[in-house]
N, C-alpha and C. Protein backbone atom coordinates (compact mmCIF):
# COMPACT_ATOMS: atom_id res chain seq x y z
N MET A 1 36.57 -45.99 66.03
CA MET A 1 35.71 -45.13 64.95
C MET A 1 34.85 -44.43 66.16
N THR A 2 35.36 -43.20 66.30
CA THR A 2 34.75 -41.88 66.76
C THR A 2 33.84 -41.36 65.69
N SER A 3 32.19 -40.96 66.07
CA SER A 3 31.33 -40.47 65.27
C SER A 3 31.85 -38.76 65.93
N SER A 4 31.28 -38.39 64.62
CA SER A 4 31.41 -36.94 64.63
C SER A 4 30.31 -36.61 64.11
N ARG A 5 29.65 -35.21 64.70
CA ARG A 5 28.74 -34.44 64.58
C ARG A 5 28.96 -33.59 64.00
N VAL A 6 28.03 -33.49 62.84
CA VAL A 6 27.91 -31.55 62.05
C VAL A 6 26.99 -31.35 62.48
N ARG A 7 27.03 -30.40 62.12
CA ARG A 7 25.82 -29.12 62.46
C ARG A 7 25.95 -27.98 62.08
N VAL A 8 24.49 -28.20 61.22
CA VAL A 8 24.31 -27.48 60.27
C VAL A 8 23.38 -26.26 60.66
N ALA A 9 23.56 -24.98 60.64
CA ALA A 9 23.14 -23.77 61.54
C ALA A 9 22.52 -22.94 60.26
N VAL A 10 21.06 -22.70 60.21
CA VAL A 10 20.11 -22.38 59.61
C VAL A 10 19.60 -21.50 59.58
N ARG A 11 20.09 -20.31 58.72
CA ARG A 11 18.92 -18.81 59.33
C ARG A 11 17.45 -18.73 59.49
N PRO A 12 16.90 -18.37 60.10
CA PRO A 12 15.37 -17.84 59.61
C PRO A 12 15.40 -17.71 58.49
N SER A 13 15.84 -16.82 57.99
CA SER A 13 15.42 -15.69 56.87
C SER A 13 15.71 -16.55 55.60
N VAL A 14 16.63 -17.60 55.44
CA VAL A 14 16.54 -18.42 54.63
C VAL A 14 15.73 -19.94 54.82
N LEU A 15 15.60 -20.01 56.24
CA LEU A 15 14.14 -21.38 56.16
C LEU A 15 12.59 -20.59 55.53
N SER A 16 12.44 -19.29 56.08
CA SER A 16 11.44 -18.76 54.81
C SER A 16 11.49 -18.56 53.73
N ALA A 17 12.37 -18.43 53.08
CA ALA A 17 12.43 -18.72 51.39
C ALA A 17 12.15 -19.77 51.11
N VAL A 18 12.76 -20.55 51.72
CA VAL A 18 12.57 -21.77 50.90
C VAL A 18 11.42 -22.63 50.91
N ILE A 19 10.61 -22.51 52.91
CA ILE A 19 9.07 -22.44 52.59
C ILE A 19 8.60 -21.86 51.62
N ALA A 20 8.45 -20.16 51.61
CA ALA A 20 7.81 -19.90 50.41
C ALA A 20 8.04 -20.30 49.20
N MET A 21 9.01 -20.36 48.28
CA MET A 21 8.98 -21.13 47.77
C MET A 21 8.54 -22.47 47.26
N THR A 22 8.38 -23.15 48.64
CA THR A 22 8.08 -24.81 48.48
C THR A 22 6.33 -24.15 47.96
N LEU A 23 5.63 -23.40 48.72
CA LEU A 23 4.13 -23.36 48.51
C LEU A 23 4.17 -22.60 47.79
N LEU A 24 4.59 -22.07 46.59
CA LEU A 24 4.72 -20.91 45.71
C LEU A 24 4.45 -22.52 44.61
N TRP A 25 5.52 -23.11 44.33
CA TRP A 25 5.88 -24.28 43.83
C TRP A 25 4.27 -25.15 43.79
N VAL A 26 3.93 -24.97 45.05
CA VAL A 26 2.79 -25.99 45.23
C VAL A 26 1.76 -25.74 44.51
N ILE A 27 0.87 -23.99 44.78
CA ILE A 27 0.26 -23.37 44.08
C ILE A 27 0.10 -23.72 42.71
N PHE A 28 1.31 -23.60 42.21
CA PHE A 28 1.40 -23.37 40.43
C PHE A 28 1.24 -24.49 40.03
N ALA A 29 1.86 -25.86 40.44
CA ALA A 29 1.39 -27.03 40.12
C ALA A 29 0.11 -27.14 40.22
N ALA A 30 -0.57 -26.55 41.82
CA ALA A 30 -1.94 -27.51 41.16
C ALA A 30 -2.96 -26.74 39.90
N ALA A 31 -2.32 -25.48 39.75
CA ALA A 31 -3.23 -25.08 38.77
C ALA A 31 -3.20 -25.40 37.37
N ALA A 32 -1.61 -25.41 37.11
CA ALA A 32 -1.49 -26.13 36.36
C ALA A 32 -1.92 -27.54 35.70
N HIS A 33 -2.05 -28.43 37.00
CA HIS A 33 -2.94 -29.64 36.64
C HIS A 33 -4.33 -29.53 36.62
N ALA A 34 -4.80 -28.20 37.21
CA ALA A 34 -6.52 -27.57 36.93
C ALA A 34 -6.98 -27.39 35.42
N GLN A 35 -5.82 -26.70 35.11
CA GLN A 35 -5.87 -26.54 33.65
C GLN A 35 -5.81 -27.21 32.51
N ALA A 36 -4.47 -28.28 32.86
CA ALA A 36 -5.01 -29.49 31.94
C ALA A 36 -5.87 -30.36 31.87
N VAL A 37 -6.10 -30.46 32.77
CA VAL A 37 -7.78 -31.00 33.34
C VAL A 37 -8.92 -30.75 32.74
N ALA A 38 -9.03 -29.07 32.60
CA ALA A 38 -9.96 -28.48 32.24
C ALA A 38 -9.73 -28.69 30.55
N GLU A 39 -8.87 -28.63 30.27
CA GLU A 39 -8.88 -28.45 28.50
C GLU A 39 -8.80 -30.18 27.83
N THR A 40 -8.38 -30.93 29.02
CA THR A 40 -8.57 -32.27 28.49
C THR A 40 -10.20 -32.38 28.61
N ALA A 41 -11.10 -31.69 29.83
CA ALA A 41 -12.20 -32.37 29.81
C ALA A 41 -13.36 -31.55 28.30
N GLY A 42 -12.82 -30.65 28.36
CA GLY A 42 -13.53 -29.54 27.14
C GLY A 42 -12.93 -30.39 26.16
N THR A 43 -12.26 -31.41 25.54
CA THR A 43 -12.23 -31.76 23.99
C THR A 43 -12.48 -33.34 24.36
N THR A 44 -13.30 -33.51 25.46
CA THR A 44 -13.88 -34.71 25.09
C THR A 44 -15.33 -34.91 25.78
N SER A 45 -15.51 -33.59 25.97
CA SER A 45 -16.96 -33.29 26.38
C SER A 45 -17.65 -33.54 25.67
N VAL A 46 -19.17 -33.95 25.69
CA VAL A 46 -20.45 -33.53 24.40
C VAL A 46 -20.44 -32.32 24.47
N SER A 47 -20.58 -31.25 25.33
CA SER A 47 -20.48 -29.89 24.40
C SER A 47 -19.53 -29.48 23.80
N ALA A 48 -18.29 -30.23 23.34
CA ALA A 48 -17.31 -30.06 22.40
C ALA A 48 -18.15 -30.61 20.89
N ALA A 49 -18.38 -31.37 21.06
CA ALA A 49 -19.12 -32.15 19.95
C ALA A 49 -20.48 -31.20 19.31
N ALA A 50 -20.94 -30.94 20.65
CA ALA A 50 -21.88 -29.69 19.95
C ALA A 50 -22.30 -28.82 19.30
N THR A 51 -21.09 -28.11 19.99
CA THR A 51 -20.27 -26.52 18.95
C THR A 51 -19.94 -26.95 17.60
N ASN A 52 -19.55 -28.42 17.71
CA ASN A 52 -19.34 -28.73 15.88
C ASN A 52 -20.76 -28.73 15.04
N SER A 53 -21.87 -28.79 15.58
CA SER A 53 -22.88 -29.14 15.18
C SER A 53 -24.49 -28.38 15.25
N VAL A 54 -23.65 -26.96 15.40
CA VAL A 54 -24.45 -25.57 15.46
C VAL A 54 -25.23 -25.38 14.61
N LYS A 55 -26.72 -25.31 14.46
CA LYS A 55 -27.63 -25.17 13.51
C LYS A 55 -27.50 -23.53 13.12
N PRO A 56 -27.16 -23.29 11.44
CA PRO A 56 -27.27 -22.43 10.89
C PRO A 56 -28.30 -20.95 11.89
N VAL A 57 -28.57 -20.04 11.89
CA VAL A 57 -29.10 -18.81 12.43
C VAL A 57 -30.22 -18.66 11.79
N GLN A 58 -31.86 -18.93 12.26
CA GLN A 58 -33.16 -18.05 11.18
C GLN A 58 -33.07 -16.78 11.46
N ILE A 59 -33.86 -16.81 10.22
CA ILE A 59 -34.19 -15.20 10.53
C ILE A 59 -35.66 -15.43 10.26
N PRO A 60 -36.65 -14.63 11.20
CA PRO A 60 -37.67 -14.89 11.35
C PRO A 60 -38.26 -13.62 10.18
N LYS A 61 -39.72 -14.58 9.61
CA LYS A 61 -40.75 -14.08 8.70
C LYS A 61 -41.25 -12.91 9.42
N PHE A 62 -41.37 -11.85 9.25
CA PHE A 62 -42.66 -10.76 9.42
C PHE A 62 -43.34 -10.75 8.26
N PRO A 63 -45.54 -10.60 8.88
CA PRO A 63 -46.30 -10.78 8.28
C PRO A 63 -46.01 -9.96 7.25
N ALA A 64 -46.53 -9.41 5.82
CA ALA A 64 -46.59 -8.71 5.27
C ALA A 64 -47.86 -7.49 4.99
N SER A 65 -47.37 -6.34 4.98
CA SER A 65 -48.37 -5.23 5.23
C SER A 65 -49.52 -5.24 3.86
N ALA A 66 -49.95 -3.94 4.13
CA ALA A 66 -50.64 -3.52 2.75
C ALA A 66 -50.18 -3.61 1.52
N ASN A 67 -49.26 -3.22 1.27
CA ASN A 67 -48.26 -3.07 0.32
C ASN A 67 -47.54 -4.02 0.10
N GLY A 68 -47.28 -4.81 0.65
CA GLY A 68 -46.75 -6.02 0.67
C GLY A 68 -45.61 -6.25 0.60
N ALA A 69 -45.16 -4.88 1.54
CA ALA A 69 -43.82 -4.99 2.29
C ALA A 69 -43.57 -5.66 3.63
N ALA A 70 -42.60 -5.97 4.26
CA ALA A 70 -42.66 -6.90 5.41
C ALA A 70 -42.64 -5.85 6.61
N ALA A 71 -43.75 -5.78 7.79
CA ALA A 71 -43.57 -4.73 8.60
C ALA A 71 -43.21 -5.71 9.70
N SER A 72 -42.54 -4.59 10.73
CA SER A 72 -42.22 -5.17 12.35
C SER A 72 -42.70 -3.72 12.99
N GLN A 73 -42.62 -4.31 14.06
CA GLN A 73 -42.79 -2.41 14.92
C GLN A 73 -41.28 -2.85 15.48
N HIS A 74 -40.24 -3.77 15.42
CA HIS A 74 -39.31 -3.32 15.89
C HIS A 74 -38.27 -2.54 14.63
N LEU A 75 -38.34 -2.53 13.09
CA LEU A 75 -38.04 -1.96 12.33
C LEU A 75 -38.40 -0.31 11.66
N ILE A 76 -37.87 0.26 11.97
CA ILE A 76 -38.42 1.52 11.42
C ILE A 76 -38.29 1.88 10.09
N VAL A 77 -38.81 2.15 9.24
CA VAL A 77 -38.88 2.06 8.09
C VAL A 77 -39.69 2.98 7.56
N SER A 78 -39.35 4.30 7.09
CA SER A 78 -40.88 4.93 6.76
C SER A 78 -41.52 4.90 5.08
N SER A 79 -42.41 4.58 5.26
CA SER A 79 -42.95 4.56 3.65
C SER A 79 -43.35 5.78 3.17
N GLY A 80 -43.34 7.55 3.83
CA GLY A 80 -43.98 8.14 3.53
C GLY A 80 -42.89 9.02 3.22
N PRO A 81 -42.86 10.69 2.74
CA PRO A 81 -42.20 11.52 2.19
C PRO A 81 -40.81 11.32 3.72
N PRO A 82 -39.98 11.71 3.02
CA PRO A 82 -38.87 12.18 4.31
C PRO A 82 -38.89 13.37 4.74
N PRO A 83 -38.67 13.15 6.33
CA PRO A 83 -39.09 14.56 7.12
C PRO A 83 -38.80 15.81 6.83
N GLN A 84 -38.12 15.90 5.96
CA GLN A 84 -37.34 17.40 5.15
C GLN A 84 -39.06 17.64 4.47
N GLU A 85 -39.23 17.06 3.91
CA GLU A 85 -40.24 17.35 3.01
C GLU A 85 -41.55 17.54 3.79
N THR A 86 -42.15 16.79 4.64
CA THR A 86 -42.78 16.83 5.99
C THR A 86 -43.05 18.01 6.69
N ASN A 87 -42.11 18.46 7.28
CA ASN A 87 -41.47 19.83 7.50
C ASN A 87 -41.45 21.23 7.10
N VAL A 88 -41.50 20.69 6.08
CA VAL A 88 -41.88 21.71 4.82
C VAL A 88 -43.15 22.10 5.06
N ARG A 89 -43.78 20.88 4.54
CA ARG A 89 -45.29 21.16 4.54
C ARG A 89 -46.13 21.59 5.85
N GLU A 90 -45.52 21.17 7.14
CA GLU A 90 -46.27 21.84 8.07
C GLU A 90 -45.87 22.89 8.30
N PHE A 91 -44.58 23.95 7.63
CA PHE A 91 -44.63 25.22 7.96
C PHE A 91 -45.40 26.05 6.79
N LEU A 92 -45.69 24.98 5.65
CA LEU A 92 -46.40 26.03 4.59
C LEU A 92 -48.07 25.83 4.82
N ALA A 93 -48.34 24.63 5.55
CA ALA A 93 -49.74 24.65 6.51
C ALA A 93 -50.24 25.42 6.99
N GLY A 94 -49.09 25.80 8.16
CA GLY A 94 -49.28 26.34 9.35
C GLY A 94 -49.36 28.49 8.76
N ALA A 95 -48.85 28.38 7.29
CA ALA A 95 -48.62 30.16 6.67
C ALA A 95 -49.07 30.91 6.82
N GLY A 96 -50.79 30.78 6.31
CA GLY A 96 -52.10 31.45 6.52
C GLY A 96 -51.66 32.71 5.03
N ARG A 97 -52.66 33.15 5.11
CA ARG A 97 -52.69 34.10 4.04
C ARG A 97 -51.52 35.21 4.08
N ASP A 98 -51.16 35.54 5.56
CA ASP A 98 -49.91 37.01 5.69
C ASP A 98 -48.68 36.14 5.85
N ALA A 99 -48.53 34.85 4.86
CA ALA A 99 -47.24 34.51 5.30
C ALA A 99 -46.18 35.32 4.39
N GLY A 100 -44.86 34.87 5.16
CA GLY A 100 -43.55 36.02 4.31
C GLY A 100 -43.05 34.72 3.79
N LYS A 101 -41.93 35.48 3.00
CA LYS A 101 -40.97 34.54 2.53
C LYS A 101 -39.48 34.92 3.16
N VAL A 102 -38.72 33.82 3.03
CA VAL A 102 -37.05 33.82 3.62
C VAL A 102 -36.50 33.18 2.58
N LEU A 103 -35.21 33.42 1.89
CA LEU A 103 -34.40 33.09 1.06
C LEU A 103 -33.58 32.70 2.30
N LEU A 104 -32.99 31.08 2.34
CA LEU A 104 -31.98 30.70 2.80
C LEU A 104 -30.58 30.59 1.88
N ARG A 105 -29.80 31.08 2.62
CA ARG A 105 -28.72 30.67 1.60
C ARG A 105 -27.70 30.49 3.01
N ALA A 106 -26.40 29.97 2.68
CA ALA A 106 -25.04 30.04 3.81
C ALA A 106 -23.64 30.04 2.87
N ALA A 107 -23.35 30.75 3.84
CA ALA A 107 -22.08 31.58 3.36
C ALA A 107 -20.59 30.45 3.90
N PRO A 108 -19.66 29.84 3.31
CA PRO A 108 -19.51 30.04 2.29
C PRO A 108 -19.73 28.73 0.76
N VAL A 109 -20.78 27.78 1.71
CA VAL A 109 -21.09 26.88 0.97
C VAL A 109 -22.44 26.47 1.09
N ALA A 110 -23.01 25.44 0.73
CA ALA A 110 -24.48 24.64 1.01
C ALA A 110 -24.53 24.16 2.09
N ALA A 111 -25.28 24.11 2.56
CA ALA A 111 -25.67 23.59 4.22
C ALA A 111 -27.32 22.58 4.15
N ASP A 112 -26.89 22.22 5.24
CA ASP A 112 -28.50 21.30 5.85
C ASP A 112 -29.11 23.01 6.95
N VAL A 113 -30.42 22.85 6.93
CA VAL A 113 -31.55 23.36 7.60
C VAL A 113 -32.09 23.60 8.23
N TRP A 114 -31.91 23.85 9.50
CA TRP A 114 -32.88 23.58 10.41
C TRP A 114 -33.94 24.79 11.35
N VAL A 115 -35.09 25.01 11.14
CA VAL A 115 -35.87 25.90 11.51
C VAL A 115 -36.37 25.66 12.69
N ASN A 116 -36.08 25.69 13.65
CA ASN A 116 -37.16 25.80 15.21
C ASN A 116 -36.60 24.36 15.29
N GLY A 117 -35.46 23.45 15.21
CA GLY A 117 -35.12 22.24 15.52
C GLY A 117 -35.82 21.76 14.71
N LYS A 118 -36.67 21.92 13.63
CA LYS A 118 -37.00 21.43 12.42
C LYS A 118 -36.09 20.96 11.08
N ILE A 119 -35.75 20.15 10.73
CA ILE A 119 -34.84 20.00 8.73
C ILE A 119 -35.74 20.37 7.75
N ILE A 120 -35.38 20.94 7.53
CA ILE A 120 -36.36 21.20 6.04
C ILE A 120 -35.43 20.92 4.86
N GLY A 121 -34.26 21.17 4.51
CA GLY A 121 -33.61 20.84 3.45
C GLY A 121 -32.32 21.38 3.25
N LYS A 122 -31.96 21.67 2.48
CA LYS A 122 -30.65 22.44 1.94
C LYS A 122 -30.34 23.35 1.37
N THR A 123 -29.42 24.45 1.45
CA THR A 123 -29.55 25.88 1.07
C THR A 123 -28.79 25.75 -0.56
N PRO A 124 -29.10 26.90 -1.35
CA PRO A 124 -30.22 27.81 -1.26
C PRO A 124 -31.31 27.15 -1.29
N MET A 125 -33.02 27.36 -0.70
CA MET A 125 -33.94 27.29 -0.55
C MET A 125 -34.52 28.61 -0.15
N LEU A 126 -36.34 29.04 -0.88
CA LEU A 126 -36.78 29.58 -0.54
C LEU A 126 -37.81 29.43 0.33
N LEU A 127 -38.54 29.44 1.36
CA LEU A 127 -39.14 29.29 2.34
C LEU A 127 -40.43 29.92 2.70
N VAL A 128 -41.34 30.13 2.49
CA VAL A 128 -42.98 30.38 3.07
C VAL A 128 -43.46 29.75 4.48
N LEU A 129 -42.97 31.09 5.56
CA LEU A 129 -43.25 30.49 6.73
C LEU A 129 -44.32 31.89 6.91
N ALA A 130 -44.87 31.49 8.44
CA ALA A 130 -45.91 32.27 9.04
C ALA A 130 -45.57 33.61 9.38
N PRO A 131 -46.15 34.39 9.49
CA PRO A 131 -45.50 36.08 10.48
C PRO A 131 -44.75 35.66 11.71
N GLY A 132 -43.82 35.49 12.26
CA GLY A 132 -43.35 35.53 13.94
C GLY A 132 -41.46 34.84 13.32
N LYS A 133 -40.90 34.40 15.06
CA LYS A 133 -40.10 34.62 15.01
C LYS A 133 -38.90 33.15 15.12
N TYR A 134 -38.12 33.02 14.39
CA TYR A 134 -37.89 31.23 13.99
C TYR A 134 -36.41 31.72 14.14
N GLN A 135 -36.12 30.33 15.01
CA GLN A 135 -34.15 30.22 14.90
C GLN A 135 -33.64 29.64 13.33
N VAL A 136 -33.30 30.19 13.44
CA VAL A 136 -32.45 29.13 11.81
C VAL A 136 -30.94 28.74 11.85
N GLU A 137 -30.61 27.40 11.93
CA GLU A 137 -29.50 26.65 12.45
C GLU A 137 -28.47 25.92 10.79
N MET A 138 -27.78 26.21 10.83
CA MET A 138 -27.24 25.87 9.63
C MET A 138 -25.79 25.02 9.67
N ARG A 139 -26.09 23.57 8.41
CA ARG A 139 -24.62 22.90 9.02
C ARG A 139 -24.34 22.26 7.75
N GLY A 140 -22.66 23.16 7.68
CA GLY A 140 -22.18 22.24 6.36
C GLY A 140 -21.79 20.78 6.28
N ALA A 141 -20.91 20.79 5.21
CA ALA A 141 -20.85 19.09 5.07
C ALA A 141 -19.63 18.95 5.70
N LYS A 142 -18.86 19.75 6.31
CA LYS A 142 -17.55 19.61 6.91
C LYS A 142 -17.86 20.00 8.34
N GLY A 143 -18.51 19.89 9.10
CA GLY A 143 -18.74 20.54 10.12
C GLY A 143 -18.85 21.48 10.43
N GLU A 144 -18.97 23.10 9.75
CA GLU A 144 -19.46 23.75 9.85
C GLU A 144 -20.86 24.51 10.12
N THR A 145 -20.90 25.21 11.02
CA THR A 145 -21.90 25.21 11.62
C THR A 145 -22.76 26.88 11.97
N GLY A 146 -23.65 27.36 11.53
CA GLY A 146 -23.95 28.77 12.10
C GLY A 146 -25.41 28.65 12.66
N GLN A 147 -26.28 29.94 13.06
CA GLN A 147 -27.46 30.05 13.64
C GLN A 147 -27.31 31.88 13.39
N SER A 148 -29.06 32.23 12.77
CA SER A 148 -29.55 33.33 12.79
C SER A 148 -31.03 33.13 13.47
N ILE A 149 -31.06 34.51 13.91
CA ILE A 149 -32.73 34.22 14.04
C ILE A 149 -33.51 35.28 13.07
N VAL A 150 -34.35 34.96 12.65
CA VAL A 150 -35.12 35.56 11.65
C VAL A 150 -36.70 36.05 12.58
N ASP A 151 -37.43 37.37 12.30
CA ASP A 151 -38.64 37.88 12.77
C ASP A 151 -39.19 38.40 11.61
N LEU A 152 -39.97 37.62 11.04
CA LEU A 152 -40.97 37.99 9.93
C LEU A 152 -42.40 38.33 9.84
N LEU A 153 -42.44 39.48 9.50
CA LEU A 153 -43.78 40.15 9.40
C LEU A 153 -43.95 39.54 8.68
N PRO A 154 -45.73 40.32 8.28
CA PRO A 154 -46.79 39.48 7.38
C PRO A 154 -46.27 40.34 6.25
N HIS A 155 -46.76 39.51 5.01
CA HIS A 155 -46.50 39.43 3.77
C HIS A 155 -44.55 40.00 2.90
N GLU A 156 -43.52 40.07 4.42
CA GLU A 156 -42.59 40.35 4.42
C GLU A 156 -41.70 39.57 3.13
N THR A 157 -40.95 39.82 2.32
CA THR A 157 -39.85 38.76 1.93
C THR A 157 -38.59 39.33 2.40
N ARG A 158 -37.90 38.33 2.87
CA ARG A 158 -36.39 38.46 3.15
C ARG A 158 -35.26 37.24 2.76
N GLU A 159 -33.75 38.17 2.62
CA GLU A 159 -33.02 37.23 2.24
C GLU A 159 -31.99 37.14 3.42
N LEU A 160 -31.85 35.72 4.09
CA LEU A 160 -31.17 35.58 5.02
C LEU A 160 -29.82 34.83 4.61
N THR A 161 -28.62 35.10 4.57
CA THR A 161 -27.25 35.18 4.54
C THR A 161 -26.52 34.13 6.24
N VAL A 162 -26.09 33.02 6.35
CA VAL A 162 -25.70 32.92 7.97
C VAL A 162 -24.30 31.85 7.41
N LYS A 163 -23.41 32.95 7.99
CA LYS A 163 -22.05 32.30 7.91
C LYS A 163 -21.75 31.47 8.86
N LEU A 164 -21.21 30.42 8.09
CA LEU A 164 -20.88 29.26 8.97
C LEU A 164 -19.38 29.78 9.06
N ARG A 165 -19.52 28.46 10.51
CA ARG A 165 -17.85 28.84 11.25
C ARG A 165 -17.58 27.08 11.56
N GLN A 166 -16.57 26.96 11.72
CA GLN A 166 -15.54 25.48 11.52
C GLN A 166 -16.18 25.50 12.98
N LEU A 167 -16.20 24.39 13.64
CA LEU A 167 -16.66 24.12 15.29
C LEU A 167 -15.01 23.56 15.62
N TYR A 168 -14.16 22.97 14.70
CA TYR A 168 -12.79 22.32 14.94
C TYR A 168 -11.73 23.02 13.66
N PRO A 169 -10.33 23.12 13.93
CA PRO A 169 -9.55 23.87 13.03
C PRO A 169 -9.53 22.91 11.95
N GLY A 170 -9.10 23.46 10.87
CA GLY A 170 -9.43 22.65 9.35
C GLY A 170 -7.61 22.16 9.34
N ARG A 171 -6.56 22.92 10.06
CA ARG A 171 -5.61 22.54 9.95
C ARG A 171 -4.58 22.75 11.11
N VAL A 172 -4.10 21.39 11.57
CA VAL A 172 -3.46 21.26 12.93
C VAL A 172 -1.81 21.95 12.30
N THR A 173 -0.94 22.51 13.43
CA THR A 173 0.36 23.24 13.52
C THR A 173 0.95 22.83 14.40
N VAL A 174 2.16 22.28 14.57
CA VAL A 174 2.83 22.34 15.26
C VAL A 174 3.57 23.40 15.35
N GLN A 175 3.82 24.41 16.87
CA GLN A 175 4.97 25.02 17.20
C GLN A 175 5.55 24.76 18.14
N ARG A 176 7.54 24.75 17.65
CA ARG A 176 8.40 24.66 18.63
C ARG A 176 9.12 25.79 18.98
């Protein structure tokens, strides 16, 4: 009997590919095993049973205020008049004997009115102001805005119409 030897030549690139594949298989197999262990632990642990027995959320009871409503320093609820009325009263109280009047209108539609950064109501409205310079801003329901400055003299009556302009186009067209 003669023995014959078979010699297998393996290239380094093939060998490195086989080693890389083996390492990747080992890493992914370990990760899959770890995931399976974690899932099994989650279904059999005490914490899984604890999530099934969660108590309902308790809403704290706040002490009642003088008028019987609940009071909290975290909830802002105004029991007074709306800010528009308060701001108009401030302007009226500061008007004095030399007060002037301004009839405020918006074109083309009704709008919310701000005078010197304070909301005062909706147009059309008659506003009594002390003589002086005021910045008037109006905002329409569809996002239109307009601004004007009023310089009011003592005992003067004026009409101010602010033209509102859209900030964004009302219609978008595609040009080809």
